[in-house]
Amino acid sequence: DDEEAIRDIMGLMLRRLGFSVTMVADGREAVTAFGVAIA
């Protein structure tokens, strides 16, 4: 999500609910993080 406040809140909530979460600001970062995770 491009909004930092949304990333911060959703990251905190999802982690509290037991998810392992990576937060990114745009699609380029998402593709990079996704590729690294696969590798």
Full PDB file with SEQRES, HELIX, SHEET, SSBOND, CRYST1, ORIGX, SCALE, CONECT and MASTER records, all heavy atoms in Angstrom:
SEQRES   1 A   39  ASP ASP GLU GLU ALA ILE ARG ASP ILE MET GLY LEU MET          
SEQRES   2 A   39  LEU ARG ARG LEU GLY PHE SER VAL THR MET VAL ALA ASP          
SEQRES   3 A   39  GLY ARG GLU ALA VAL THR ALA PHE GLY VAL ALA ILE ALA          
HELIX    1 AA1 GLU A    4  ARG A   16  1                                  13    
HELIX    2 AA2 GLY A   27  ILE A   38  1                                  12    
CRYST1    1.000    1.000    1.000  90.00  90.00  90.00 P 1           1          
ORIGX1      1.000000  0.000000  0.000000        0.00000                         
ORIGX2      0.000000  1.000000  0.000000        0.00000                         
ORIGX3      0.000000  0.000000  1.000000        0.00000                         
SCALE1      1.000000  0.000000  0.000000        0.00000                         
SCALE2      0.000000  1.000000  0.000000        0.00000                         
SCALE3      0.000000  0.000000  1.000000        0.00000                         
ATOM      1  N   ASP A   1       0.868  -1.178   0.000  1.00  0.00           N  
ATOM      2  CA  ASP A   1       0.000   0.000   0.000  1.00  0.00           C  
ATOM      3  C   ASP A   1       0.902   1.225   0.000  1.00  0.00           C  
ATOM      4  O   ASP A   1       1.925   1.232   0.685  1.00  0.00           O  
ATOM      5  CB  ASP A   1      -0.912   0.013   1.228  1.00  0.00           C  
ATOM      6  CG  ASP A   1      -2.070   0.987   1.052  1.00  0.00           C  
ATOM      7  OD1 ASP A   1      -1.817   2.214   1.089  1.00  0.00           O  
ATOM      8  OD2 ASP A   1      -3.206   0.532   0.854  1.00  0.00           O  
ATOM      9  N   ASP A   2       0.534   2.248  -0.752  1.00  0.00           N  
ATOM     10  CA  ASP A   2       1.376   3.441  -0.830  1.00  0.00           C  
ATOM     11  C   ASP A   2       1.273   4.324   0.406  1.00  0.00           C  
ATOM     12  O   ASP A   2       2.132   5.175   0.629  1.00  0.00           O  
ATOM     13  CB  ASP A   2       1.062   4.250  -2.095  1.00  0.00           C  
ATOM     14  CG  ASP A   2      -0.344   4.817  -2.107  1.00  0.00           C  
ATOM     15  OD1 ASP A   2      -1.292   4.055  -1.806  1.00  0.00           O  
ATOM     16  OD2 ASP A   2      -0.500   6.003  -2.410  1.00  0.00           O  
ATOM     17  N   GLU A   3       0.258   4.116   1.231  1.00  0.00           N  
ATOM     18  CA  GLU A   3       0.090   4.933   2.433  1.00  0.00           C  
ATOM     19  C   GLU A   3       0.772   4.272   3.630  1.00  0.00           C  
ATOM     20  O   GLU A   3       0.404   3.177   4.047  1.00  0.00           O  
ATOM     21  CB  GLU A   3      -1.386   5.147   2.720  1.00  0.00           C  
ATOM     22  CG  GLU A   3      -2.072   5.995   1.652  1.00  0.00           C  
ATOM     23  CD  GLU A   3      -3.503   6.295   2.006  1.00  0.00           C  
ATOM     24  OE1 GLU A   3      -3.762   6.681   3.167  1.00  0.00           O  
ATOM     25  OE2 GLU A   3      -4.354   6.142   1.119  1.00  0.00           O  
ATOM     26  N   GLU A   4       1.770   4.982   4.175  1.00  0.00           N  
ATOM     27  CA  GLU A   4       2.561   4.443   5.280  1.00  0.00           C  
ATOM     28  C   GLU A   4       1.688   4.102   6.490  1.00  0.00           C  
ATOM     29  O   GLU A   4       1.891   3.066   7.140  1.00  0.00           O  
ATOM     30  CB  GLU A   4       3.655   5.432   5.678  1.00  0.00           C  
ATOM     31  CG  GLU A   4       4.584   4.890   6.736  1.00  0.00           C  
ATOM     32  CD  GLU A   4       5.724   5.839   7.042  1.00  0.00           C  
ATOM     33  OE1 GLU A   4       5.758   6.974   6.514  1.00  0.00           O  
ATOM     34  OE2 GLU A   4       6.594   5.442   7.826  1.00  0.00           O  
ATOM     35  N   ALA A   5       0.721   4.946   6.795  1.00  0.00           N  
ATOM     36  CA  ALA A   5      -0.139   4.699   7.961  1.00  0.00           C  
ATOM     37  C   ALA A   5      -0.912   3.386   7.810  1.00  0.00           C  
ATOM     38  O   ALA A   5      -1.039   2.620   8.777  1.00  0.00           O  
ATOM     39  CB  ALA A   5      -1.101   5.859   8.164  1.00  0.00           C  
ATOM     40  N   ILE A   6      -1.399   3.113   6.613  1.00  0.00           N  
ATOM     41  CA  ILE A   6      -2.124   1.853   6.370  1.00  0.00           C  
ATOM     42  C   ILE A   6      -1.166   0.680   6.532  1.00  0.00           C  
ATOM     43  O   ILE A   6      -1.506  -0.326   7.165  1.00  0.00           O  
ATOM     44  CB  ILE A   6      -2.795   1.851   4.985  1.00  0.00           C  
ATOM     45  CG1 ILE A   6      -3.940   2.861   4.975  1.00  0.00           C  
ATOM     46  CG2 ILE A   6      -3.297   0.454   4.616  1.00  0.00           C  
ATOM     47  CD1 ILE A   6      -4.615   3.035   3.637  1.00  0.00           C  
ATOM     48  N   ARG A   7       0.040   0.787   5.967  1.00  0.00           N  
ATOM     49  CA  ARG A   7       1.026  -0.295   6.116  1.00  0.00           C  
ATOM     50  C   ARG A   7       1.332  -0.550   7.589  1.00  0.00           C  
ATOM     51  O   ARG A   7       1.378  -1.693   8.027  1.00  0.00           O  
ATOM     52  CB  ARG A   7       2.318   0.037   5.366  1.00  0.00           C  
ATOM     53  CG  ARG A   7       2.199   0.013   3.869  1.00  0.00           C  
ATOM     54  CD  ARG A   7       3.559   0.048   3.178  1.00  0.00           C  
ATOM     55  NE  ARG A   7       4.474   1.067   3.642  1.00  0.00           N  
ATOM     56  CZ  ARG A   7       4.570   2.303   3.162  1.00  0.00           C  
ATOM     57  NH1 ARG A   7       3.753   2.678   2.171  1.00  0.00           N  
ATOM     58  NH2 ARG A   7       5.464   3.153   3.621  1.00  0.00           N  
ATOM     59  N   ASP A   8       1.548   0.513   8.336  1.00  0.00           N  
ATOM     60  CA  ASP A   8       1.886   0.359   9.754  1.00  0.00           C  
ATOM     61  C   ASP A   8       0.764  -0.321  10.536  1.00  0.00           C  
ATOM     62  O   ASP A   8       1.003  -1.279  11.280  1.00  0.00           O  
ATOM     63  CB  ASP A   8       2.185   1.723  10.386  1.00  0.00           C  
ATOM     64  CG  ASP A   8       3.484   2.336   9.893  1.00  0.00           C  
ATOM     65  OD1 ASP A   8       4.314   1.613   9.270  1.00  0.00           O  
ATOM     66  OD2 ASP A   8       3.681   3.545  10.121  1.00  0.00           O  
ATOM     67  N   ILE A   9      -0.459   0.156  10.353  1.00  0.00           N  
ATOM     68  CA  ILE A   9      -1.592  -0.397  11.102  1.00  0.00           C  
ATOM     69  C   ILE A   9      -1.884  -1.839  10.692  1.00  0.00           C  
ATOM     70  O   ILE A   9      -2.045  -2.720  11.545  1.00  0.00           O  
ATOM     71  CB  ILE A   9      -2.846   0.486  10.922  1.00  0.00           C  
ATOM     72  CG1 ILE A   9      -2.622   1.829  11.625  1.00  0.00           C  
ATOM     73  CG2 ILE A   9      -4.095  -0.205  11.449  1.00  0.00           C  
ATOM     74  CD1 ILE A   9      -3.648   2.877  11.283  1.00  0.00           C  
ATOM     75  N   MET A  10      -1.958  -2.088   9.385  1.00  0.00           N  
ATOM     76  CA  MET A  10      -2.263  -3.438   8.922  1.00  0.00           C  
ATOM     77  C   MET A  10      -1.140  -4.419   9.287  1.00  0.00           C  
ATOM     78  O   MET A  10      -1.409  -5.561   9.660  1.00  0.00           O  
ATOM     79  CB  MET A  10      -2.507  -3.454   7.409  1.00  0.00           C  
ATOM     80  CG  MET A  10      -3.808  -2.803   6.996  1.00  0.00           C  
ATOM     81  SD  MET A  10      -5.269  -3.644   7.661  1.00  0.00           S  
ATOM     82  CE  MET A  10      -5.771  -2.507   8.923  1.00  0.00           C  
ATOM     83  N   GLY A  11       0.098  -3.972   9.195  1.00  0.00           N  
ATOM     84  CA  GLY A  11       1.215  -4.831   9.581  1.00  0.00           C  
ATOM     85  C   GLY A  11       1.122  -5.227  11.039  1.00  0.00           C  
ATOM     86  O   GLY A  11       1.268  -6.401  11.395  1.00  0.00           O  
ATOM     87  N   LEU A  12       0.870  -4.259  11.892  1.00  0.00           N  
ATOM     88  CA  LEU A  12       0.733  -4.528  13.321  1.00  0.00           C  
ATOM     89  C   LEU A  12      -0.411  -5.494  13.599  1.00  0.00           C  
ATOM     90  O   LEU A  12      -0.252  -6.484  14.325  1.00  0.00           O  
ATOM     91  CB  LEU A  12       0.515  -3.208  14.079  1.00  0.00           C  
ATOM     92  CG  LEU A  12       0.297  -3.318  15.586  1.00  0.00           C  
ATOM     93  CD1 LEU A  12       1.549  -3.850  16.271  1.00  0.00           C  
ATOM     94  CD2 LEU A  12      -0.097  -1.973  16.156  1.00  0.00           C  
ATOM     95  N   MET A  13      -1.564  -5.233  13.002  1.00  0.00           N  
ATOM     96  CA  MET A  13      -2.733  -6.086  13.239  1.00  0.00           C  
ATOM     97  C   MET A  13      -2.522  -7.504  12.715  1.00  0.00           C  
ATOM     98  O   MET A  13      -2.841  -8.480  13.395  1.00  0.00           O  
ATOM     99  CB  MET A  13      -3.971  -5.462  12.612  1.00  0.00           C  
ATOM    100  CG  MET A  13      -4.458  -4.249  13.329  1.00  0.00           C  
ATOM    101  SD  MET A  13      -5.997  -3.693  12.529  1.00  0.00           S  
ATOM    102  CE  MET A  13      -6.422  -2.318  13.557  1.00  0.00           C  
ATOM    103  N   LEU A  14      -2.008  -7.615  11.501  1.00  0.00           N  
ATOM    104  CA  LEU A  14      -1.798  -8.950  10.934  1.00  0.00           C  
ATOM    105  C   LEU A  14      -0.777  -9.746  11.743  1.00  0.00           C  
ATOM    106  O   LEU A  14      -0.959 -10.947  11.973  1.00  0.00           O  
ATOM    107  CB  LEU A  14      -1.366  -8.847   9.468  1.00  0.00           C  
ATOM    108  CG  LEU A  14      -2.468  -8.423   8.499  1.00  0.00           C  
ATOM    109  CD1 LEU A  14      -1.886  -8.099   7.129  1.00  0.00           C  
ATOM    110  CD2 LEU A  14      -3.543  -9.497   8.387  1.00  0.00           C  
ATOM    111  N   ARG A  15       0.272  -9.088  12.188  1.00  0.00           N  
ATOM    112  CA  ARG A  15       1.266  -9.790  13.021  1.00  0.00           C  
ATOM    113  C   ARG A  15       0.654 -10.250  14.343  1.00  0.00           C  
ATOM    114  O   ARG A  15       0.932 -11.361  14.798  1.00  0.00           O  
ATOM    115  CB  ARG A  15       2.474  -8.893  13.257  1.00  0.00           C  
ATOM    116  CG  ARG A  15       3.348  -8.760  12.033  1.00  0.00           C  
ATOM    117  CD  ARG A  15       4.577  -7.882  12.282  1.00  0.00           C  
ATOM    118  NE  ARG A  15       5.289  -7.682  11.042  1.00  0.00           N  
ATOM    119  CZ  ARG A  15       5.219  -6.565  10.303  1.00  0.00           C  
ATOM    120  NH1 ARG A  15       4.496  -5.531  10.717  1.00  0.00           N  
ATOM    121  NH2 ARG A  15       5.878  -6.473   9.169  1.00  0.00           N  
ATOM    122  N   ARG A  16      -0.154  -9.408  14.944  1.00  0.00           N  
ATOM    123  CA  ARG A  16      -0.812  -9.778  16.207  1.00  0.00           C  
ATOM    124  C   ARG A  16      -1.737 -10.965  16.013  1.00  0.00           C  
ATOM    125  O   ARG A  16      -1.982 -11.728  16.948  1.00  0.00           O  
ATOM    126  CB  ARG A  16      -1.604  -8.606  16.764  1.00  0.00           C  
ATOM    127  CG  ARG A  16      -0.699  -7.535  17.356  1.00  0.00           C  
ATOM    128  CD  ARG A  16      -1.460  -6.529  18.135  1.00  0.00           C  
ATOM    129  NE  ARG A  16      -1.957  -7.160  19.365  1.00  0.00           N  
ATOM    130  CZ  ARG A  16      -2.906  -6.654  20.121  1.00  0.00           C  
ATOM    131  NH1 ARG A  16      -3.479  -5.522  19.782  1.00  0.00           N  
ATOM    132  NH2 ARG A  16      -3.296  -7.257  21.213  1.00  0.00           N  
ATOM    133  N   LEU A  17      -2.256 -11.123  14.808  1.00  0.00           N  
ATOM    134  CA  LEU A  17      -3.162 -12.236  14.514  1.00  0.00           C  
ATOM    135  C   LEU A  17      -2.427 -13.472  14.004  1.00  0.00           C  
ATOM    136  O   LEU A  17      -3.049 -14.437  13.583  1.00  0.00           O  
ATOM    137  CB  LEU A  17      -4.225 -11.788  13.511  1.00  0.00           C  
ATOM    138  CG  LEU A  17      -5.201 -10.755  14.085  1.00  0.00           C  
ATOM    139  CD1 LEU A  17      -6.091 -10.199  12.988  1.00  0.00           C  
ATOM    140  CD2 LEU A  17      -6.024 -11.357  15.210  1.00  0.00           C  
ATOM    141  N   GLY A  18      -1.100 -13.433  14.014  1.00  0.00           N  
ATOM    142  CA  GLY A  18      -0.333 -14.626  13.703  1.00  0.00           C  
ATOM    143  C   GLY A  18       0.214 -14.734  12.304  1.00  0.00           C  
ATOM    144  O   GLY A  18       0.720 -15.780  11.911  1.00  0.00           O  
ATOM    145  N   PHE A  19       0.135 -13.675  11.509  1.00  0.00           N  
ATOM    146  CA  PHE A  19       0.680 -13.706  10.158  1.00  0.00           C  
ATOM    147  C   PHE A  19       2.122 -13.205  10.166  1.00  0.00           C  
ATOM    148  O   PHE A  19       2.469 -12.322  10.944  1.00  0.00           O  
ATOM    149  CB  PHE A  19      -0.142 -12.824   9.207  1.00  0.00           C  
ATOM    150  CG  PHE A  19      -1.506 -13.359   8.910  1.00  0.00           C  
ATOM    151  CD1 PHE A  19      -2.591 -13.011   9.705  1.00  0.00           C  
ATOM    152  CD2 PHE A  19      -1.718 -14.217   7.842  1.00  0.00           C  
ATOM    153  CE1 PHE A  19      -3.855 -13.506   9.451  1.00  0.00           C  
ATOM    154  CE2 PHE A  19      -2.974 -14.719   7.577  1.00  0.00           C  
ATOM    155  CZ  PHE A  19      -4.056 -14.361   8.379  1.00  0.00           C  
ATOM    156  N   SER A  20       2.911 -13.742   9.292  1.00  0.00           N  
ATOM    157  CA  SER A  20       4.241 -13.206   9.012  1.00  0.00           C  
ATOM    158  C   SER A  20       4.051 -12.269   7.824  1.00  0.00           C  
ATOM    159  O   SER A  20       3.581 -12.694   6.769  1.00  0.00           O  
ATOM    160  CB  SER A  20       5.197 -14.339   8.651  1.00  0.00           C  
ATOM    161  OG  SER A  20       6.426 -13.822   8.230  1.00  0.00           O  
ATOM    162  N   VAL A  21       4.395 -10.982   7.998  1.00  0.00           N  
ATOM    163  CA  VAL A  21       4.040  -9.972   7.003  1.00  0.00           C  
ATOM    164  C   VAL A  21       5.261  -9.184   6.548  1.00  0.00           C  
ATOM    165  O   VAL A  21       6.086  -8.790   7.352  1.00  0.00           O  
ATOM    166  CB  VAL A  21       3.009  -8.967   7.572  1.00  0.00           C  
ATOM    167  CG1 VAL A  21       2.539  -8.005   6.511  1.00  0.00           C  
ATOM    168  CG2 VAL A  21       1.831  -9.689   8.193  1.00  0.00           C  
ATOM    169  N   THR A  22       5.332  -8.967   5.244  1.00  0.00           N  
ATOM    170  CA  THR A  22       6.302  -8.045   4.660  1.00  0.00           C  
ATOM    171  C   THR A  22       5.507  -6.889   4.077  1.00  0.00           C  
ATOM    172  O   THR A  22       4.554  -7.105   3.325  1.00  0.00           O  
ATOM    173  CB  THR A  22       7.113  -8.729   3.535  1.00  0.00           C  
ATOM    174  OG1 THR A  22       7.804  -9.847   4.086  1.00  0.00           O  
ATOM    175  CG2 THR A  22       8.102  -7.757   2.901  1.00  0.00           C  
ATOM    176  N   MET A  23       5.908  -5.671   4.441  1.00  0.00           N  
ATOM    177  CA  MET A  23       5.202  -4.479   3.986  1.00  0.00           C  
ATOM    178  C   MET A  23       6.040  -3.753   2.941  1.00  0.00           C  
ATOM    179  O   MET A  23       7.251  -3.576   3.132  1.00  0.00           O  
ATOM    180  CB  MET A  23       4.954  -3.533   5.167  1.00  0.00           C  
ATOM    181  CG  MET A  23       4.305  -4.205   6.369  1.00  0.00           C  
ATOM    182  SD  MET A  23       2.733  -4.995   6.004  1.00  0.00           S  
ATOM    183  CE  MET A  23       1.652  -3.599   5.983  1.00  0.00           C  
ATOM    184  N   VAL A  24       5.394  -3.329   1.837  1.00  0.00           N  
ATOM    185  CA  VAL A  24       6.069  -2.573   0.787  1.00  0.00           C  
ATOM    186  C   VAL A  24       5.159  -1.439   0.316  1.00  0.00           C  
ATOM    187  O   VAL A  24       3.940  -1.492   0.497  1.00  0.00           O  
ATOM    188  CB  VAL A  24       6.488  -3.467  -0.400  1.00  0.00           C  
ATOM    189  CG1 VAL A  24       7.524  -4.509   0.027  1.00  0.00           C  
ATOM    190  CG2 VAL A  24       5.284  -4.145  -1.028  1.00  0.00           C  
ATOM    191  N   ALA A  25       5.781  -0.421  -0.313  1.00  0.00           N  
ATOM    192  CA  ALA A  25       5.047   0.784  -0.683  1.00  0.00           C  
ATOM    193  C   ALA A  25       4.498   0.797  -2.103  1.00  0.00           C  
ATOM    194  O   ALA A  25       3.568   1.539  -2.394  1.00  0.00           O  
ATOM    195  CB  ALA A  25       5.936   2.014  -0.476  1.00  0.00           C  
ATOM    196  N   ASP A  26       5.072   0.004  -3.016  1.00  0.00           N  
ATOM    197  CA  ASP A  26       4.528  -0.010  -4.378  1.00  0.00           C  
ATOM    198  C   ASP A  26       4.813  -1.346  -5.048  1.00  0.00           C  
ATOM    199  O   ASP A  26       5.442  -2.233  -4.472  1.00  0.00           O  
ATOM    200  CB  ASP A  26       5.034   1.175  -5.206  1.00  0.00           C  
ATOM    201  CG  ASP A  26       6.415   0.990  -5.803  1.00  0.00           C  
ATOM    202  OD1 ASP A  26       7.114   0.024  -5.461  1.00  0.00           O  
ATOM    203  OD2 ASP A  26       6.792   1.822  -6.641  1.00  0.00           O  
ATOM    204  N   GLY A  27       4.294  -1.467  -6.274  1.00  0.00           N  
ATOM    205  CA  GLY A  27       4.394  -2.726  -7.004  1.00  0.00           C  
ATOM    206  C   GLY A  27       5.813  -3.165  -7.311  1.00  0.00           C  
ATOM    207  O   GLY A  27       6.095  -4.360  -7.318  1.00  0.00           O  
ATOM    208  N   ARG A  28       6.709  -2.212  -7.564  1.00  0.00           N  
ATOM    209  CA  ARG A  28       8.112  -2.587  -7.825  1.00  0.00           C  
ATOM    210  C   ARG A  28       8.706  -3.299  -6.623  1.00  0.00           C  
ATOM    211  O   ARG A  28       9.349  -4.330  -6.760  1.00  0.00           O  
ATOM    212  CB  ARG A  28       8.939  -1.344  -8.152  1.00  0.00           C  
ATOM    213  CG  ARG A  28       9.002  -1.009  -9.603  1.00  0.00           C  
ATOM    214  CD  ARG A  28       9.960   0.165  -9.860  1.00  0.00           C  
ATOM    215  NE  ARG A  28       9.332   1.041 -10.815  1.00  0.00           N  
ATOM    216  CZ  ARG A  28       8.637   2.127 -10.522  1.00  0.00           C  
ATOM    217  NH1 ARG A  28       8.520   2.539  -9.295  1.00  0.00           N  
ATOM    218  NH2 ARG A  28       8.072   2.827 -11.472  1.00  0.00           N  
ATOM    219  N   GLU A  29       8.476  -2.710  -5.442  1.00  0.00           N  
ATOM    220  CA  GLU A  29       8.969  -3.334  -4.213  1.00  0.00           C  
ATOM    221  C   GLU A  29       8.308  -4.691  -3.981  1.00  0.00           C  
ATOM    222  O   GLU A  29       8.949  -5.624  -3.496  1.00  0.00           O  
ATOM    223  CB  GLU A  29       8.706  -2.422  -3.020  1.00  0.00           C  
ATOM    224  CG  GLU A  29       9.536  -1.166  -2.992  1.00  0.00           C  
ATOM    225  CD  GLU A  29       9.200  -0.298  -1.789  1.00  0.00           C  
ATOM    226  OE1 GLU A  29       8.948  -0.851  -0.693  1.00  0.00           O  
ATOM    227  OE2 GLU A  29       9.182   0.937  -1.948  1.00  0.00           O  
ATOM    228  N   ALA A  30       7.027  -4.797  -4.315  1.00  0.00           N  
ATOM    229  CA  ALA A  30       6.310  -6.061  -4.137  1.00  0.00           C  
ATOM    230  C   ALA A  30       6.912  -7.155  -5.012  1.00  0.00           C  
ATOM    231  O   ALA A  30       7.141  -8.278  -4.556  1.00  0.00           O  
ATOM    232  CB  ALA A  30       4.822  -5.882  -4.455  1.00  0.00           C  
ATOM    233  N   VAL A  31       7.190  -6.825  -6.262  1.00  0.00           N  
ATOM    234  CA  VAL A  31       7.764  -7.809  -7.182  1.00  0.00           C  
ATOM    235  C   VAL A  31       9.156  -8.237  -6.702  1.00  0.00           C  
ATOM    236  O   VAL A  31       9.491  -9.426  -6.713  1.00  0.00           O  
ATOM    237  CB  VAL A  31       7.804  -7.262  -8.629  1.00  0.00           C  
ATOM    238  CG1 VAL A  31       8.580  -8.183  -9.550  1.00  0.00           C  
ATOM    239  CG2 VAL A  31       6.378  -7.060  -9.145  1.00  0.00           C  
ATOM    240  N   THR A  32       9.954  -7.283  -6.245  1.00  0.00           N  
ATOM    241  CA  THR A  32      11.289  -7.603  -5.742  1.00  0.00           C  
ATOM    242  C   THR A  32      11.197  -8.518  -4.522  1.00  0.00           C  
ATOM    243  O   THR A  32      11.873  -9.553  -4.458  1.00  0.00           O  
ATOM    244  CB  THR A  32      12.067  -6.316  -5.385  1.00  0.00           C  
ATOM    245  OG1 THR A  32      12.213  -5.545  -6.581  1.00  0.00           O  
ATOM    246  CG2 THR A  32      13.425  -6.622  -4.812  1.00  0.00           C  
ATOM    247  N   ALA A  33      10.361  -8.153  -3.544  1.00  0.00           N  
ATOM    248  CA  ALA A  33      10.221  -8.956  -2.330  1.00  0.00           C  
ATOM    249  C   ALA A  33       9.686 -10.355  -2.658  1.00  0.00           C  
ATOM    250  O   ALA A  33      10.144 -11.356  -2.086  1.00  0.00           O  
ATOM    251  CB  ALA A  33       9.293  -8.260  -1.340  1.00  0.00           C  
ATOM    252  N   PHE A  34       8.756 -10.426  -3.592  1.00  0.00           N  
ATOM    253  CA  PHE A  34       8.170 -11.700  -3.996  1.00  0.00           C  
ATOM    254  C   PHE A  34       9.244 -12.600  -4.622  1.00  0.00           C  
ATOM    255  O   PHE A  34       9.345 -13.780  -4.294  1.00  0.00           O  
ATOM    256  CB  PHE A  34       7.030 -11.433  -4.991  1.00  0.00           C  
ATOM    257  CG  PHE A  34       6.148 -12.606  -5.249  1.00  0.00           C  
ATOM    258  CD1 PHE A  34       5.111 -12.915  -4.392  1.00  0.00           C  
ATOM    259  CD2 PHE A  34       6.325 -13.390  -6.383  1.00  0.00           C  
ATOM    260  CE1 PHE A  34       4.276 -13.996  -4.640  1.00  0.00           C  
ATOM    261  CE2 PHE A  34       5.501 -14.467  -6.644  1.00  0.00           C  
ATOM    262  CZ  PHE A  34       4.468 -14.771  -5.774  1.00  0.00           C  
ATOM    263  N   GLY A  35      10.049 -12.020  -5.511  1.00  0.00           N  
ATOM    264  CA  GLY A  35      11.116 -12.789  -6.153  1.00  0.00           C  
ATOM    265  C   GLY A  35      12.158 -13.270  -5.165  1.00  0.00           C  
ATOM    266  O   GLY A  35      12.625 -14.413  -5.245  1.00  0.00           O  
ATOM    267  N   VAL A  36      12.531 -12.424  -4.215  1.00  0.00           N  
ATOM    268  CA  VAL A  36      13.507 -12.808  -3.192  1.00  0.00           C  
ATOM    269  C   VAL A  36      12.957 -13.957  -2.351  1.00  0.00           C  
ATOM    270  O   VAL A  36      13.664 -14.918  -2.049  1.00  0.00           O  
ATOM    271  CB  VAL A  36      13.877 -11.594  -2.304  1.00  0.00           C  
ATOM    272  CG1 VAL A  36      14.632 -12.024  -1.061  1.00  0.00           C  
ATOM    273  CG2 VAL A  36      14.694 -10.580  -3.099  1.00  0.00           C  
ATOM    274  N   ALA A  37      11.681 -13.874  -1.974  1.00  0.00           N  
ATOM    275  CA  ALA A  37      11.072 -14.931  -1.169  1.00  0.00           C  
ATOM    276  C   ALA A  37      11.066 -16.261  -1.910  1.00  0.00           C  
ATOM    277  O   ALA A  37      11.360 -17.313  -1.318  1.00  0.00           O  
ATOM    278  CB  ALA A  37       9.647 -14.533  -0.773  1.00  0.00           C  
ATOM    279  N   ILE A  38      10.773 -16.234  -3.195  1.00  0.00           N  
ATOM    280  CA  ILE A  38      10.792 -17.471  -3.989  1.00  0.00           C  
ATOM    281  C   ILE A  38      12.215 -18.025  -4.047  1.00  0.00           C  
ATOM    282  O   ILE A  38      12.429 -19.223  -3.846  1.00  0.00           O  
ATOM    283  CB  ILE A  38      10.235 -17.224  -5.406  1.00  0.00           C  
ATOM    284  CG1 ILE A  38       8.722 -17.003  -5.337  1.00  0.00           C  
ATOM    285  CG2 ILE A  38      10.556 -18.400  -6.334  1.00  0.00           C  
ATOM    286  CD1 ILE A  38       8.099 -16.585  -6.649  1.00  0.00           C  
ATOM    287  N   ALA A  39      13.188 -17.158  -4.296  1.00  0.00           N  
ATOM    288  CA  ALA A  39      14.583 -17.594  -4.390  1.00  0.00           C  
ATOM    289  C   ALA A  39      15.066 -18.208  -3.077  1.00  0.00           C  
ATOM    290  O   ALA A  39      15.877 -19.146  -3.085  1.00  0.00           O  
ATOM    291  CB  ALA A  39      15.476 -16.421  -4.785  1.00  0.00           C  
TER     292      ALA A  39                                                      
MASTER        0    0    0    2    0    0    0    6  291    1    0    3          
END                                                                             
